Amino acid sequence: MTGEHYSYRHYASQEVAEGFDALRFGGPIGRYLADVQAAVLREALEPLAGRTVLDVGTGTGRAAVELAAAGAAVIGLDASVEMLRVAAVRSAEAGVHLRLGRADAHALPLADRSVDAAVSLRVLMHALDWRQCVSELCRVARVRVVVDFPSSRSFARIESVGRRVARRFGRSVEDYRVISEADVSEAFARSGYRVAFVRRQFVLPIALHKKVSSLAATRGVEHALAAIGLLRLCGSPVTLVAER
């Protein structure tokens, strides 16, 4: 593992791990974000009963627990021991079994086509080499791969640049990259996969929705923006589902 990369250092923190769910999924907008994410995963992977699913960058295990509760045999891998500790507690509280282990998304410790599907959420945006991560997901999955990422055509591009500038001036912020759908599709094609479908979540930045903190306003505004085609044009984050 390339421990000097910011993403490894950031998520190795016990404080970050224990506060991640509250920061990401707290409040009405955070809960809505989690519900949308769960719905997209179900759409992408059902039927789940009896299938083996690999969750790379499982973090606190939120997605892994939901997949296991739906009947999948889930392997959750992450580079952060602290994140895995939180995932273990979460799975125990939910009464589901997860096979958890420490691993790097750039070099997965699994054989070729050893799982039915592979999922990786909020990983490509931070990875040292996101194309290598896609290649590894495709290598170990037998049928389908699901990833998400902030779109290079979205408002996230502005925030991404702002965070990189802030880091250069010494501020402690979580950096990330934006990626184009075309580049991700091309990376899948190199591994013999085709894009099955794409889902985009928001037009306006999630941070803005959280600041307003009104689910009714979020739904109303996003519905209106989608109706005039902006969701298709610049929605983010993008969830992309690819299959052999």
C-alpha atoms as a PDB file:
ATOM      1  CA  MET A   1       0.000   0.000   0.000  1.00  0.00           C
ATOM      2  CA  THR A   2       1.186   3.481  -0.836  1.00  0.00           C
ATOM      3  CA  GLY A   3       0.830   4.812   2.688  1.00  0.00           C
ATOM      4  CA  GLU A   4       2.099   8.275   1.875  1.00  0.00           C
ATOM      5  CA  HIS A   5      -0.856   9.042  -0.388  1.00  0.00           C
ATOM      6  CA  TYR A   6      -3.314  11.367   1.351  1.00  0.00           C
ATOM      7  CA  SER A   7      -6.220   8.925   1.111  1.00  0.00           C
ATOM      8  CA  TYR A   8      -4.418   6.274   3.164  1.00  0.00           C
ATOM      9  CA  ARG A   9      -3.406   8.771   5.836  1.00  0.00           C
ATOM     10  CA  HIS A  10      -6.847  10.361   6.030  1.00  0.00           C
ATOM     11  CA  TYR A  11      -8.841   7.167   6.490  1.00  0.00           C
ATOM     12  CA  ALA A  12      -6.296   5.597   8.826  1.00  0.00           C
ATOM     13  CA  SER A  13      -7.520   8.012  11.493  1.00  0.00           C
ATOM     14  CA  GLN A  14      -9.736   6.574  14.237  1.00  0.00           C
ATOM     15  CA  GLU A  15     -11.512   9.925  14.500  1.00  0.00           C
ATOM     16  CA  VAL A  16     -12.291   9.984  10.767  1.00  0.00           C
ATOM     17  CA  ALA A  17     -13.512   6.367  10.810  1.00  0.00           C
ATOM     18  CA  GLU A  18     -15.795   6.812  13.805  1.00  0.00           C
ATOM     19  CA  GLY A  19     -17.226  10.080  12.478  1.00  0.00           C
ATOM     20  CA  PHE A  20     -17.562   9.105   8.818  1.00  0.00           C
ATOM     21  CA  ASP A  21     -21.184   7.947   8.809  1.00  0.00           C
ATOM     22  CA  ALA A  22     -22.422  10.957  10.742  1.00  0.00           C
ATOM     23  CA  LEU A  23     -20.548  13.302   8.411  1.00  0.00           C
ATOM     24  CA  ARG A  24     -21.574  11.605   5.172  1.00  0.00           C
ATOM     25  CA  PHE A  25     -25.010  10.236   5.979  1.00  0.00           C
ATOM     26  CA  GLY A  26     -26.219  12.362   8.899  1.00  0.00           C
ATOM     27  CA  GLY A  27     -29.262  14.625   8.673  1.00  0.00           C
ATOM     28  CA  PRO A  28     -32.171  14.419   6.213  1.00  0.00           C
ATOM     29  CA  ILE A  29     -30.005  14.857   3.106  1.00  0.00           C
ATOM     30  CA  GLY A  30     -27.431  12.335   4.277  1.00  0.00           C
ATOM     31  CA  ARG A  31     -30.132   9.764   4.938  1.00  0.00           C
ATOM     32  CA  TYR A  32     -31.665  10.482   1.533  1.00  0.00           C
ATOM     33  CA  LEU A  33     -28.242  10.037  -0.083  1.00  0.00           C
ATOM     34  CA  ALA A  34     -27.863   6.671   1.648  1.00  0.00           C
ATOM     35  CA  ASP A  35     -31.342   5.564   0.525  1.00  0.00           C
ATOM     36  CA  VAL A  36     -30.629   6.529  -3.099  1.00  0.00           C
ATOM     37  CA  GLN A  37     -27.308   4.707  -3.004  1.00  0.00           C
ATOM     38  CA  ALA A  38     -28.933   1.580  -1.580  1.00  0.00           C
ATOM     39  CA  ALA A  39     -31.653   1.641  -4.237  1.00  0.00           C
ATOM     40  CA  VAL A  40     -29.093   1.911  -7.039  1.00  0.00           C
ATOM     41  CA  LEU A  41     -27.115  -1.020  -5.629  1.00  0.00           C
ATOM     42  CA  ARG A  42     -30.228  -3.178  -5.453  1.00  0.00           C
ATOM     43  CA  GLU A  43     -31.100  -2.267  -9.031  1.00  0.00           C
ATOM     44  CA  ALA A  44     -27.577  -3.094 -10.177  1.00  0.00           C
ATOM     45  CA  LEU A  45     -27.104  -6.387  -8.348  1.00  0.00           C
ATOM     46  CA  GLU A  46     -30.454  -8.099  -7.768  1.00  0.00           C
ATOM     47  CA  PRO A  47     -31.121 -10.914  -7.262  1.00  0.00           C
ATOM     48  CA  LEU A  48     -28.612 -10.923  -4.388  1.00  0.00           C
ATOM     49  CA  ALA A  49     -29.580 -14.120  -2.592  1.00  0.00           C
ATOM     50  CA  GLY A  50     -26.804 -16.681  -2.896  1.00  0.00           C
ATOM     51  CA  ARG A  51     -24.411 -14.384  -4.754  1.00  0.00           C
ATOM     52  CA  THR A  52     -20.916 -13.495  -3.649  1.00  0.00           C
ATOM     53  CA  VAL A  53     -20.267  -9.761  -3.710  1.00  0.00           C
ATOM     54  CA  LEU A  54     -16.958  -8.038  -3.097  1.00  0.00           C
ATOM     55  CA  ASP A  55     -17.100  -4.536  -1.591  1.00  0.00           C
ATOM     56  CA  VAL A  56     -13.775  -2.786  -2.210  1.00  0.00           C
ATOM     57  CA  GLY A  57     -13.182   0.231  -0.015  1.00  0.00           C
ATOM     58  CA  THR A  58     -15.958  -1.043   2.238  1.00  0.00           C
ATOM     59  CA  GLY A  59     -15.202   1.668   4.789  1.00  0.00           C
ATOM     60  CA  THR A  60     -17.672   1.492   7.675  1.00  0.00           C
ATOM     61  CA  GLY A  61     -19.528  -1.334   5.938  1.00  0.00           C
ATOM     62  CA  ARG A  62     -22.762   0.515   5.215  1.00  0.00           C
ATOM     63  CA  ALA A  63     -23.237  -0.892   1.706  1.00  0.00           C
ATOM     64  CA  ALA A  64     -21.802  -4.289   2.680  1.00  0.00           C
ATOM     65  CA  VAL A  65     -24.287  -4.711   5.526  1.00  0.00           C
ATOM     66  CA  GLU A  66     -27.220  -3.866   3.269  1.00  0.00           C
ATOM     67  CA  LEU A  67     -26.036  -6.344   0.637  1.00  0.00           C
ATOM     68  CA  ALA A  68     -25.577  -9.075   3.252  1.00  0.00           C
ATOM     69  CA  ALA A  69     -29.015  -8.369   4.703  1.00  0.00           C
ATOM     70  CA  ALA A  70     -30.443  -8.935   1.206  1.00  0.00           C
ATOM     71  CA  GLY A  71     -28.917 -12.416   1.107  1.00  0.00           C
ATOM     72  CA  ALA A  72     -25.501 -11.922  -0.497  1.00  0.00           C
ATOM     73  CA  ALA A  73     -22.278 -13.433   0.817  1.00  0.00           C
ATOM     74  CA  VAL A  74     -20.194 -10.274   1.187  1.00  0.00           C
ATOM     75  CA  ILE A  75     -16.441  -9.780   1.323  1.00  0.00           C
ATOM     76  CA  GLY A  76     -15.492  -6.309   2.535  1.00  0.00           C
ATOM     77  CA  LEU A  77     -11.969  -5.052   1.913  1.00  0.00           C
ATOM     78  CA  ASP A  78     -10.420  -1.755   2.958  1.00  0.00           C
ATOM     79  CA  ALA A  79      -6.959  -0.289   3.435  1.00  0.00           C
ATOM     80  CA  SER A  80      -7.931   1.252   6.781  1.00  0.00           C
ATOM     81  CA  VAL A  81      -7.891  -0.895   9.915  1.00  0.00           C
ATOM     82  CA  GLU A  82      -9.922   1.757  11.717  1.00  0.00           C
ATOM     83  CA  MET A  83     -12.646   1.709   9.083  1.00  0.00           C
ATOM     84  CA  LEU A  84     -12.762  -2.087   9.246  1.00  0.00           C
ATOM     85  CA  ARG A  85     -13.214  -1.943  13.018  1.00  0.00           C
ATOM     86  CA  VAL A  86     -16.281   0.242  12.571  1.00  0.00           C
ATOM     87  CA  ALA A  87     -17.579  -2.115   9.851  1.00  0.00           C
ATOM     88  CA  ALA A  88     -17.197  -5.096  12.194  1.00  0.00           C
ATOM     89  CA  VAL A  89     -19.253  -3.344  14.877  1.00  0.00           C
ATOM     90  CA  ARG A  90     -21.886  -2.289  12.347  1.00  0.00           C
ATOM     91  CA  SER A  91     -22.279  -5.823  10.958  1.00  0.00           C
ATOM     92  CA  ALA A  92     -22.540  -7.308  14.453  1.00  0.00           C
ATOM     93  CA  GLU A  93     -25.227  -4.788  15.397  1.00  0.00           C
ATOM     94  CA  ALA A  94     -27.118  -5.596  12.194  1.00  0.00           C
ATOM     95  CA  GLY A  95     -26.843  -9.343  12.804  1.00  0.00           C
ATOM     96  CA  VAL A  96     -25.190 -10.100   9.462  1.00  0.00           C
ATOM     97  CA  HIS A  97     -21.896 -11.781   8.627  1.00  0.00           C
ATOM     98  CA  LEU A  98     -19.209 -10.004   6.611  1.00  0.00           C
ATOM     99  CA  ARG A  99     -15.818 -11.405   5.644  1.00  0.00           C
ATOM    100  CA  LEU A 100     -13.681  -8.366   6.367  1.00  0.00           C
ATOM    101  CA  GLY A 101     -10.025  -7.920   5.512  1.00  0.00           C
ATOM    102  CA  ARG A 102      -7.349  -5.334   4.904  1.00  0.00           C
ATOM    103  CA  ALA A 103      -6.298  -4.915   1.270  1.00  0.00           C
ATOM    104  CA  ASP A 104      -5.366  -2.333  -1.329  1.00  0.00           C
ATOM    105  CA  ALA A 105      -7.789  -1.615  -4.172  1.00  0.00           C
ATOM    106  CA  HIS A 106      -4.840  -1.545  -6.594  1.00  0.00           C
ATOM    107  CA  ALA A 107      -3.919  -5.198  -5.912  1.00  0.00           C
ATOM    108  CA  LEU A 108      -6.843  -7.306  -4.709  1.00  0.00           C
ATOM    109  CA  PRO A 109      -5.943 -10.595  -2.961  1.00  0.00           C
ATOM    110  CA  LEU A 110      -8.504 -12.653  -4.878  1.00  0.00           C
ATOM    111  CA  ALA A 111      -8.326 -14.999  -7.842  1.00  0.00           C
ATOM    112  CA  ASP A 112      -9.664 -14.108 -11.278  1.00  0.00           C
ATOM    113  CA  ARG A 113     -13.483 -14.242 -11.513  1.00  0.00           C
ATOM    114  CA  SER A 114     -13.739 -15.471  -7.917  1.00  0.00           C
ATOM    115  CA  VAL A 115     -16.795 -13.358  -6.990  1.00  0.00           C
ATOM    116  CA  ASP A 116     -20.076 -12.812  -8.808  1.00  0.00           C
ATOM    117  CA  ALA A 117     -19.924  -9.028  -8.567  1.00  0.00           C
ATOM    118  CA  ALA A 118     -17.631  -6.300  -7.267  1.00  0.00           C
ATOM    119  CA  VAL A 119     -18.696  -2.951  -5.834  1.00  0.00           C
ATOM    120  CA  SER A 120     -16.468   0.043  -5.128  1.00  0.00           C
ATOM    121  CA  LEU A 121     -18.009   3.264  -3.847  1.00  0.00           C
ATOM    122  CA  ARG A 122     -16.112   6.519  -3.173  1.00  0.00           C
ATOM    123  CA  VAL A 123     -12.811   4.869  -4.102  1.00  0.00           C
ATOM    124  CA  LEU A 124     -11.920   5.953  -7.648  1.00  0.00           C
ATOM    125  CA  MET A 125     -12.130   9.606  -6.611  1.00  0.00           C
ATOM    126  CA  HIS A 126      -9.333   9.076  -4.074  1.00  0.00           C
ATOM    127  CA  ALA A 127      -7.255   6.255  -5.585  1.00  0.00           C
ATOM    128  CA  LEU A 128      -3.641   6.750  -6.566  1.00  0.00           C
ATOM    129  CA  ASP A 129      -4.369   5.035  -9.925  1.00  0.00           C
ATOM    130  CA  TRP A 130      -8.099   4.690 -10.503  1.00  0.00           C
ATOM    131  CA  ARG A 131      -7.663   2.817 -13.799  1.00  0.00           C
ATOM    132  CA  GLN A 132      -5.680   0.095 -12.034  1.00  0.00           C
ATOM    133  CA  CYS A 133      -8.483  -0.182  -9.486  1.00  0.00           C
ATOM    134  CA  VAL A 134     -11.041  -0.652 -12.271  1.00  0.00           C
ATOM    135  CA  SER A 135      -8.819  -3.307 -13.862  1.00  0.00           C
ATOM    136  CA  GLU A 136      -8.625  -5.204 -10.566  1.00  0.00           C
ATOM    137  CA  LEU A 137     -12.384  -5.045 -10.018  1.00  0.00           C
ATOM    138  CA  CYS A 138     -12.960  -6.436 -13.500  1.00  0.00           C
ATOM    139  CA  ARG A 139     -10.370  -9.168 -12.972  1.00  0.00           C
ATOM    140  CA  VAL A 140     -11.926 -10.606  -9.820  1.00  0.00           C
ATOM    141  CA  ALA A 141     -15.602 -10.218 -10.819  1.00  0.00           C
ATOM    142  CA  ARG A 142     -17.347 -12.883 -12.852  1.00  0.00           C
ATOM    143  CA  VAL A 143     -20.340 -10.909 -14.095  1.00  0.00           C
ATOM    144  CA  ARG A 144     -20.754  -7.312 -12.939  1.00  0.00           C
ATOM    145  CA  VAL A 145     -18.912  -4.321 -11.463  1.00  0.00           C
ATOM    146  CA  VAL A 146     -20.415  -1.211  -9.846  1.00  0.00           C
ATOM    147  CA  VAL A 147     -18.437   1.981  -9.221  1.00  0.00           C
ATOM    148  CA  ASP A 148     -19.255   5.583  -8.465  1.00  0.00           C
ATOM    149  CA  PHE A 149     -17.342   8.829  -8.914  1.00  0.00           C
ATOM    150  CA  PRO A 150     -17.846  12.608  -9.079  1.00  0.00           C
ATOM    151  CA  SER A 151     -18.393  13.696 -12.666  1.00  0.00           C
ATOM    152  CA  SER A 152     -15.933  16.001 -14.394  1.00  0.00           C
ATOM    153  CA  ARG A 153     -18.963  17.792 -15.886  1.00  0.00           C
ATOM    154  CA  SER A 154     -20.503  18.611 -12.506  1.00  0.00           C
ATOM    155  CA  PHE A 155     -20.197  21.276  -9.826  1.00  0.00           C
ATOM    156  CA  ALA A 156     -17.896  18.824  -8.051  1.00  0.00           C
ATOM    157  CA  ARG A 157     -15.147  19.939 -10.431  1.00  0.00           C
ATOM    158  CA  ILE A 158     -15.124  23.390  -8.797  1.00  0.00           C
ATOM    159  CA  GLU A 159     -15.043  21.934  -5.292  1.00  0.00           C
ATOM    160  CA  SER A 160     -12.257  19.518  -6.275  1.00  0.00           C
ATOM    161  CA  VAL A 161     -10.036  22.342  -7.498  1.00  0.00           C
ATOM    162  CA  GLY A 162     -10.792  24.370  -4.380  1.00  0.00           C
ATOM    163  CA  ARG A 163      -9.806  21.506  -2.094  1.00  0.00           C
ATOM    164  CA  ARG A 164      -6.538  20.924  -3.930  1.00  0.00           C
ATOM    165  CA  VAL A 165      -5.648  24.589  -3.573  1.00  0.00           C
ATOM    166  CA  ALA A 166      -6.549  24.480   0.107  1.00  0.00           C
ATOM    167  CA  ARG A 167      -4.262  21.492   0.673  1.00  0.00           C
ATOM    168  CA  ARG A 168      -1.370  23.287  -0.980  1.00  0.00           C
ATOM    169  CA  PHE A 169      -1.803  26.070   1.540  1.00  0.00           C
ATOM    170  CA  GLY A 170      -1.669  23.598   4.407  1.00  0.00           C
ATOM    171  CA  ARG A 171      -5.349  23.168   5.194  1.00  0.00           C
ATOM    172  CA  SER A 172      -6.470  19.738   6.345  1.00  0.00           C
ATOM    173  CA  VAL A 173      -9.157  18.849   3.802  1.00  0.00           C
ATOM    174  CA  GLU A 174     -10.142  15.632   2.071  1.00  0.00           C
ATOM    175  CA  ASP A 175      -8.907  15.971  -1.481  1.00  0.00           C
ATOM    176  CA  TYR A 176     -10.455  14.122  -4.450  1.00  0.00           C
ATOM    177  CA  ARG A 177     -10.529  14.019  -8.240  1.00  0.00           C
ATOM    178  CA  VAL A 178     -13.375  14.258 -10.728  1.00  0.00           C
ATOM    179  CA  ILE A 179     -13.541  11.764 -13.603  1.00  0.00           C
ATOM    180  CA  SER A 180     -15.307  11.714 -16.961  1.00  0.00           C
ATOM    181  CA  GLU A 181     -17.836   9.004 -17.748  1.00  0.00           C
ATOM    182  CA  ALA A 182     -16.129   8.432 -21.099  1.00  0.00           C
ATOM    183  CA  ASP A 183     -12.805   7.680 -19.398  1.00  0.00           C
ATOM    184  CA  VAL A 184     -14.403   5.227 -16.976  1.00  0.00           C
ATOM    185  CA  SER A 185     -16.287   3.505 -19.805  1.00  0.00           C
ATOM    186  CA  GLU A 186     -13.042   3.201 -21.757  1.00  0.00           C
ATOM    187  CA  ALA A 187     -11.278   1.666 -18.746  1.00  0.00           C
ATOM    188  CA  PHE A 188     -14.018  -0.961 -18.470  1.00  0.00           C
ATOM    189  CA  ALA A 189     -13.863  -1.686 -22.189  1.00  0.00           C
ATOM    190  CA  ARG A 190     -10.155  -2.475 -21.876  1.00  0.00           C
ATOM    191  CA  SER A 191     -11.065  -5.241 -19.447  1.00  0.00           C
ATOM    192  CA  GLY A 192     -13.776  -6.659 -21.670  1.00  0.00           C
ATOM    193  CA  TYR A 193     -16.718  -5.000 -19.934  1.00  0.00           C
ATOM    194  CA  ARG A 194     -19.544  -2.898 -21.349  1.00  0.00           C
ATOM    195  CA  VAL A 195     -21.584  -0.277 -19.531  1.00  0.00           C
ATOM    196  CA  ALA A 196     -25.011  -1.714 -18.653  1.00  0.00           C
ATOM    197  CA  PHE A 197     -26.502   1.459 -17.188  1.00  0.00           C
ATOM    198  CA  VAL A 198     -25.631   4.748 -15.521  1.00  0.00           C
ATOM    199  CA  ARG A 199     -27.356   6.598 -12.696  1.00  0.00           C
ATOM    200  CA  ARG A 200     -26.684  10.205 -11.684  1.00  0.00           C
ATOM    201  CA  GLN A 201     -27.819  11.530  -8.313  1.00  0.00           C
ATOM    202  CA  PHE A 202     -27.754  15.332  -7.970  1.00  0.00           C
ATOM    203  CA  VAL A 203     -27.282  18.429 -10.106  1.00  0.00           C
ATOM    204  CA  LEU A 204     -26.447  20.813  -7.271  1.00  0.00           C
ATOM    205  CA  PRO A 205     -23.585  20.005  -4.877  1.00  0.00           C
ATOM    206  CA  ILE A 206     -24.445  17.690  -2.005  1.00  0.00           C
ATOM    207  CA  ALA A 207     -22.764  20.156   0.350  1.00  0.00           C
ATOM    208  CA  LEU A 208     -25.274  22.822  -0.699  1.00  0.00           C
ATOM    209  CA  HIS A 209     -28.233  20.513  -0.122  1.00  0.00           C
ATOM    210  CA  LYS A 210     -26.875  19.631   3.306  1.00  0.00           C
ATOM    211  CA  LYS A 211     -26.462  23.280   4.180  1.00  0.00           C
ATOM    212  CA  VAL A 212     -30.106  23.983   3.323  1.00  0.00           C
ATOM    213  CA  SER A 213     -31.032  20.717   5.076  1.00  0.00           C
ATOM    214  CA  SER A 214     -34.533  20.445   3.612  1.00  0.00           C
ATOM    215  CA  LEU A 215     -35.445  17.163   1.950  1.00  0.00           C
ATOM    216  CA  ALA A 216     -38.536  18.731   0.372  1.00  0.00           C
ATOM    217  CA  ALA A 217     -36.437  21.507  -1.149  1.00  0.00           C
ATOM    218  CA  THR A 218     -33.822  19.047  -2.408  1.00  0.00           C
ATOM    219  CA  ARG A 219     -36.411  16.831  -4.065  1.00  0.00           C
ATOM    220  CA  GLY A 220     -38.258  19.776  -5.571  1.00  0.00           C
ATOM    221  CA  VAL A 221     -35.211  21.543  -6.961  1.00  0.00           C
ATOM    222  CA  GLU A 222     -33.546  18.380  -8.246  1.00  0.00           C
ATOM    223  CA  HIS A 223     -36.777  17.212  -9.899  1.00  0.00           C
ATOM    224  CA  ALA A 224     -37.077  20.559 -11.679  1.00  0.00           C
ATOM    225  CA  LEU A 225     -33.445  20.493 -12.829  1.00  0.00           C
ATOM    226  CA  ALA A 226     -33.805  16.917 -14.037  1.00  0.00           C
ATOM    227  CA  ALA A 227     -36.923  17.861 -15.994  1.00  0.00           C
ATOM    228  CA  ILE A 228     -34.927  20.329 -18.104  1.00  0.00           C
ATOM    229  CA  GLY A 229     -32.137  17.818 -18.738  1.00  0.00           C
ATOM    230  CA  LEU A 230     -29.480  19.023 -16.325  1.00  0.00           C
ATOM    231  CA  LEU A 231     -29.281  15.773 -14.363  1.00  0.00           C
ATOM    232  CA  ARG A 232     -28.392  13.849 -17.514  1.00  0.00           C
ATOM    233  CA  LEU A 233     -25.900  16.527 -18.518  1.00  0.00           C
ATOM    234  CA  CYS A 234     -24.054  17.216 -15.265  1.00  0.00           C
ATOM    235  CA  GLY A 235     -25.467  15.017 -12.493  1.00  0.00           C
ATOM    236  CA  SER A 236     -23.075  13.722  -9.840  1.00  0.00           C
ATOM    237  CA  PRO A 237     -22.016  11.455  -8.275  1.00  0.00           C
ATOM    238  CA  VAL A 238     -22.298   9.012 -11.148  1.00  0.00           C
ATOM    239  CA  THR A 239     -22.923   5.328 -10.479  1.00  0.00           C
ATOM    240  CA  LEU A 240     -21.812   3.210 -13.415  1.00  0.00           C
ATOM    241  CA  VAL A 241     -22.692  -0.476 -13.761  1.00  0.00           C
ATOM    242  CA  ALA A 242     -20.633  -2.588 -16.156  1.00  0.00           C
ATOM    243  CA  GLU A 243     -20.885  -6.262 -17.096  1.00  0.00           C
ATOM    244  CA  ARG A 244     -19.078  -8.839 -19.215  1.00  0.00           C
END
